[in-house]
Amino acid sequence: MDCADRIAVLATEGTLERLRGLARPDAPGGVTVRALVARRRLDVTIRKVWPRDRERSPAYRWAVQEVETDGAPEPDGLDLHSRTSADDTGADPEDAYWIALEAARAAVDSVRA
């Protein structure tokens, strides 16, 4: 594994560690992390949504917004949100993050086509 690969792995692990913290009962309601998809800078926000019945586990919804280097929204950039259906939310924060990245990649690919 070369240096660039190690840096990528460490960066991903740091991102996932922040997201995994959402699974704790005392964790805040959401976390925003930065991701890159096809040279696009994205803010990925994962939010914990509790069901009315507190005995059930929370769901994790996501939002993706393309941003400029200063963090301001990119005009005409990606702006994606999870639907409320179970297949578009994650059972845990990490699942929601990967679902969000897959949606962002699909949106970028559809723009290229």
C-alpha atoms as a PDB file:
ATOM      1  CA  MET A   1       0.000   0.000   0.000  1.00  0.00           C
ATOM      2  CA  ASP A   2       1.495   3.330  -0.987  1.00  0.00           C
ATOM      3  CA  CYS A   3       1.352   6.571   0.975  1.00  0.00           C
ATOM      4  CA  ALA A   4      -1.656   8.006  -0.899  1.00  0.00           C
ATOM      5  CA  ASP A   5      -3.672   4.846  -0.216  1.00  0.00           C
ATOM      6  CA  ARG A   6      -2.802   4.975   3.488  1.00  0.00           C
ATOM      7  CA  ILE A   7      -3.853   8.610   3.706  1.00  0.00           C
ATOM      8  CA  ALA A   8      -7.174   7.785   1.999  1.00  0.00           C
ATOM      9  CA  VAL A   9      -7.825   4.890   4.393  1.00  0.00           C
ATOM     10  CA  LEU A  10      -7.026   7.025   7.455  1.00  0.00           C
ATOM     11  CA  ALA A  11      -9.239   9.865   6.218  1.00  0.00           C
ATOM     12  CA  THR A  12     -12.129   7.482   5.582  1.00  0.00           C
ATOM     13  CA  GLU A  13     -11.736   5.868   9.003  1.00  0.00           C
ATOM     14  CA  GLY A  14     -11.772   9.309  10.655  1.00  0.00           C
ATOM     15  CA  THR A  15     -14.959  10.209   8.813  1.00  0.00           C
ATOM     16  CA  LEU A  16     -16.635   6.927   9.696  1.00  0.00           C
ATOM     17  CA  GLU A  17     -15.623   7.239  13.351  1.00  0.00           C
ATOM     18  CA  ARG A  18     -17.427  10.592  13.587  1.00  0.00           C
ATOM     19  CA  LEU A  19     -20.509   9.060  11.989  1.00  0.00           C
ATOM     20  CA  ARG A  20     -20.500   5.950  14.157  1.00  0.00           C
ATOM     21  CA  GLY A  21     -20.761   8.196  17.204  1.00  0.00           C
ATOM     22  CA  LEU A  22     -24.326   9.045  16.157  1.00  0.00           C
ATOM     23  CA  ALA A  23     -25.395   5.541  17.157  1.00  0.00           C
ATOM     24  CA  ARG A  24     -24.862   6.343  20.852  1.00  0.00           C
ATOM     25  CA  PRO A  25     -28.123   7.210  22.624  1.00  0.00           C
ATOM     26  CA  ASP A  26     -26.654  10.476  23.965  1.00  0.00           C
ATOM     27  CA  ALA A  27     -25.207  11.534  20.591  1.00  0.00           C
ATOM     28  CA  PRO A  28     -26.316  14.731  18.877  1.00  0.00           C
ATOM     29  CA  GLY A  29     -29.044  14.564  16.255  1.00  0.00           C
ATOM     30  CA  GLY A  30     -26.762  14.928  13.254  1.00  0.00           C
ATOM     31  CA  VAL A  31     -23.248  15.107  11.868  1.00  0.00           C
ATOM     32  CA  THR A  32     -21.925  16.733   8.690  1.00  0.00           C
ATOM     33  CA  VAL A  33     -18.745  15.462   7.053  1.00  0.00           C
ATOM     34  CA  ARG A  34     -16.929  16.416   3.860  1.00  0.00           C
ATOM     35  CA  ALA A  35     -16.590  13.941   0.988  1.00  0.00           C
ATOM     36  CA  LEU A  36     -15.246  14.053  -2.553  1.00  0.00           C
ATOM     37  CA  VAL A  37     -17.051  12.384  -5.432  1.00  0.00           C
ATOM     38  CA  ALA A  38     -15.683  12.791  -8.952  1.00  0.00           C
ATOM     39  CA  ARG A  39     -13.802  15.945  -7.929  1.00  0.00           C
ATOM     40  CA  ARG A  40     -16.946  17.444  -6.421  1.00  0.00           C
ATOM     41  CA  ARG A  41     -16.740  18.680  -2.827  1.00  0.00           C
ATOM     42  CA  LEU A  42     -19.777  17.500  -0.880  1.00  0.00           C
ATOM     43  CA  ASP A  43     -21.131  18.087   2.585  1.00  0.00           C
ATOM     44  CA  VAL A  44     -22.838  14.883   3.681  1.00  0.00           C
ATOM     45  CA  THR A  45     -25.176  15.288   6.649  1.00  0.00           C
ATOM     46  CA  ILE A  46     -26.479  12.255   8.517  1.00  0.00           C
ATOM     47  CA  ARG A  47     -29.401  12.829  10.909  1.00  0.00           C
ATOM     48  CA  LYS A  48     -30.803  10.490  13.525  1.00  0.00           C
ATOM     49  CA  VAL A  49     -34.596  10.242  13.374  1.00  0.00           C
ATOM     50  CA  TRP A  50     -36.336   8.592  16.300  1.00  0.00           C
ATOM     51  CA  PRO A  51     -39.636   6.790  15.681  1.00  0.00           C
ATOM     52  CA  ARG A  52     -42.629   7.740  17.796  1.00  0.00           C
ATOM     53  CA  ASP A  53     -42.186   4.485  19.658  1.00  0.00           C
ATOM     54  CA  ARG A  54     -38.897   5.055  21.512  1.00  0.00           C
ATOM     55  CA  GLU A  55     -38.518   1.299  21.972  1.00  0.00           C
ATOM     56  CA  ARG A  56     -37.687   1.004  18.275  1.00  0.00           C
ATOM     57  CA  SER A  57     -34.296   1.863  16.823  1.00  0.00           C
ATOM     58  CA  PRO A  58     -33.761   5.211  15.107  1.00  0.00           C
ATOM     59  CA  ALA A  59     -33.384   5.566  11.344  1.00  0.00           C
ATOM     60  CA  TYR A  60     -30.661   7.662   9.767  1.00  0.00           C
ATOM     61  CA  ARG A  61     -31.528  10.058   6.969  1.00  0.00           C
ATOM     62  CA  TRP A  62     -29.007  11.815   4.793  1.00  0.00           C
ATOM     63  CA  ALA A  63     -28.539  14.969   2.749  1.00  0.00           C
ATOM     64  CA  VAL A  64     -25.805  15.796   0.240  1.00  0.00           C
ATOM     65  CA  GLN A  65     -24.973  19.321  -0.856  1.00  0.00           C
ATOM     66  CA  GLU A  66     -22.199  20.311  -3.221  1.00  0.00           C
ATOM     67  CA  VAL A  67     -20.125  23.148  -1.781  1.00  0.00           C
ATOM     68  CA  GLU A  68     -17.363  25.505  -2.831  1.00  0.00           C
ATOM     69  CA  THR A  69     -13.941  25.557  -1.170  1.00  0.00           C
ATOM     70  CA  ASP A  70     -15.200  28.004   1.469  1.00  0.00           C
ATOM     71  CA  GLY A  71     -18.171  25.748   2.315  1.00  0.00           C
ATOM     72  CA  ALA A  72     -20.779  27.918   0.596  1.00  0.00           C
ATOM     73  CA  PRO A  73     -23.358  26.014  -1.473  1.00  0.00           C
ATOM     74  CA  GLU A  74     -22.242  25.535  -5.076  1.00  0.00           C
ATOM     75  CA  PRO A  75     -24.700  27.290  -7.399  1.00  0.00           C
ATOM     76  CA  ASP A  76     -26.492  24.619  -9.458  1.00  0.00           C
ATOM     77  CA  GLY A  77     -24.557  21.929  -7.540  1.00  0.00           C
ATOM     78  CA  LEU A  78     -25.854  18.652  -6.213  1.00  0.00           C
ATOM     79  CA  ASP A  79     -28.563  18.929  -3.562  1.00  0.00           C
ATOM     80  CA  LEU A  80     -29.864  15.479  -2.676  1.00  0.00           C
ATOM     81  CA  HIS A  81     -31.962  14.192   0.226  1.00  0.00           C
ATOM     82  CA  SER A  82     -33.036  10.756   1.373  1.00  0.00           C
ATOM     83  CA  ARG A  83     -36.635   9.788   0.960  1.00  0.00           C
ATOM     84  CA  THR A  84     -38.542   8.548   3.960  1.00  0.00           C
ATOM     85  CA  SER A  85     -38.703   4.989   2.622  1.00  0.00           C
ATOM     86  CA  ALA A  86     -36.764   2.370   4.533  1.00  0.00           C
ATOM     87  CA  ASP A  87     -34.572   1.507   1.525  1.00  0.00           C
ATOM     88  CA  ASP A  88     -33.292   5.102   1.323  1.00  0.00           C
ATOM     89  CA  THR A  89     -32.412   5.484   4.998  1.00  0.00           C
ATOM     90  CA  GLY A  90     -29.731   3.654   6.917  1.00  0.00           C
ATOM     91  CA  ALA A  91     -30.139   1.246   9.800  1.00  0.00           C
ATOM     92  CA  ASP A  92     -27.029   2.843  11.242  1.00  0.00           C
ATOM     93  CA  PRO A  93     -25.124   6.080  10.503  1.00  0.00           C
ATOM     94  CA  GLU A  94     -22.451   4.356   8.422  1.00  0.00           C
ATOM     95  CA  ASP A  95     -25.061   2.710   6.185  1.00  0.00           C
ATOM     96  CA  ALA A  96     -26.712   6.084   5.631  1.00  0.00           C
ATOM     97  CA  TYR A  97     -23.345   7.607   4.663  1.00  0.00           C
ATOM     98  CA  TRP A  98     -22.642   4.954   2.028  1.00  0.00           C
ATOM     99  CA  ILE A  99     -26.208   5.213   0.660  1.00  0.00           C
ATOM    100  CA  ALA A 100     -25.697   8.990   0.358  1.00  0.00           C
ATOM    101  CA  LEU A 101     -22.394   8.561  -1.490  1.00  0.00           C
ATOM    102  CA  GLU A 102     -23.956   6.039  -3.874  1.00  0.00           C
ATOM    103  CA  ALA A 103     -26.772   8.497  -4.610  1.00  0.00           C
ATOM    104  CA  ALA A 104     -24.217  11.272  -5.223  1.00  0.00           C
ATOM    105  CA  ARG A 105     -22.199   9.054  -7.584  1.00  0.00           C
ATOM    106  CA  ALA A 106     -25.343   8.100  -9.483  1.00  0.00           C
ATOM    107  CA  ALA A 107     -26.351  11.764  -9.803  1.00  0.00           C
ATOM    108  CA  VAL A 108     -22.884  12.738 -11.068  1.00  0.00           C
ATOM    109  CA  ASP A 109     -22.913   9.845 -13.554  1.00  0.00           C
ATOM    110  CA  SER A 110     -26.344  10.877 -14.860  1.00  0.00           C
ATOM    111  CA  VAL A 111     -25.121  14.444 -15.427  1.00  0.00           C
ATOM    112  CA  ARG A 112     -22.108  13.142 -17.391  1.00  0.00           C
ATOM    113  CA  ALA A 113     -24.262  10.907 -19.625  1.00  0.00           C
END
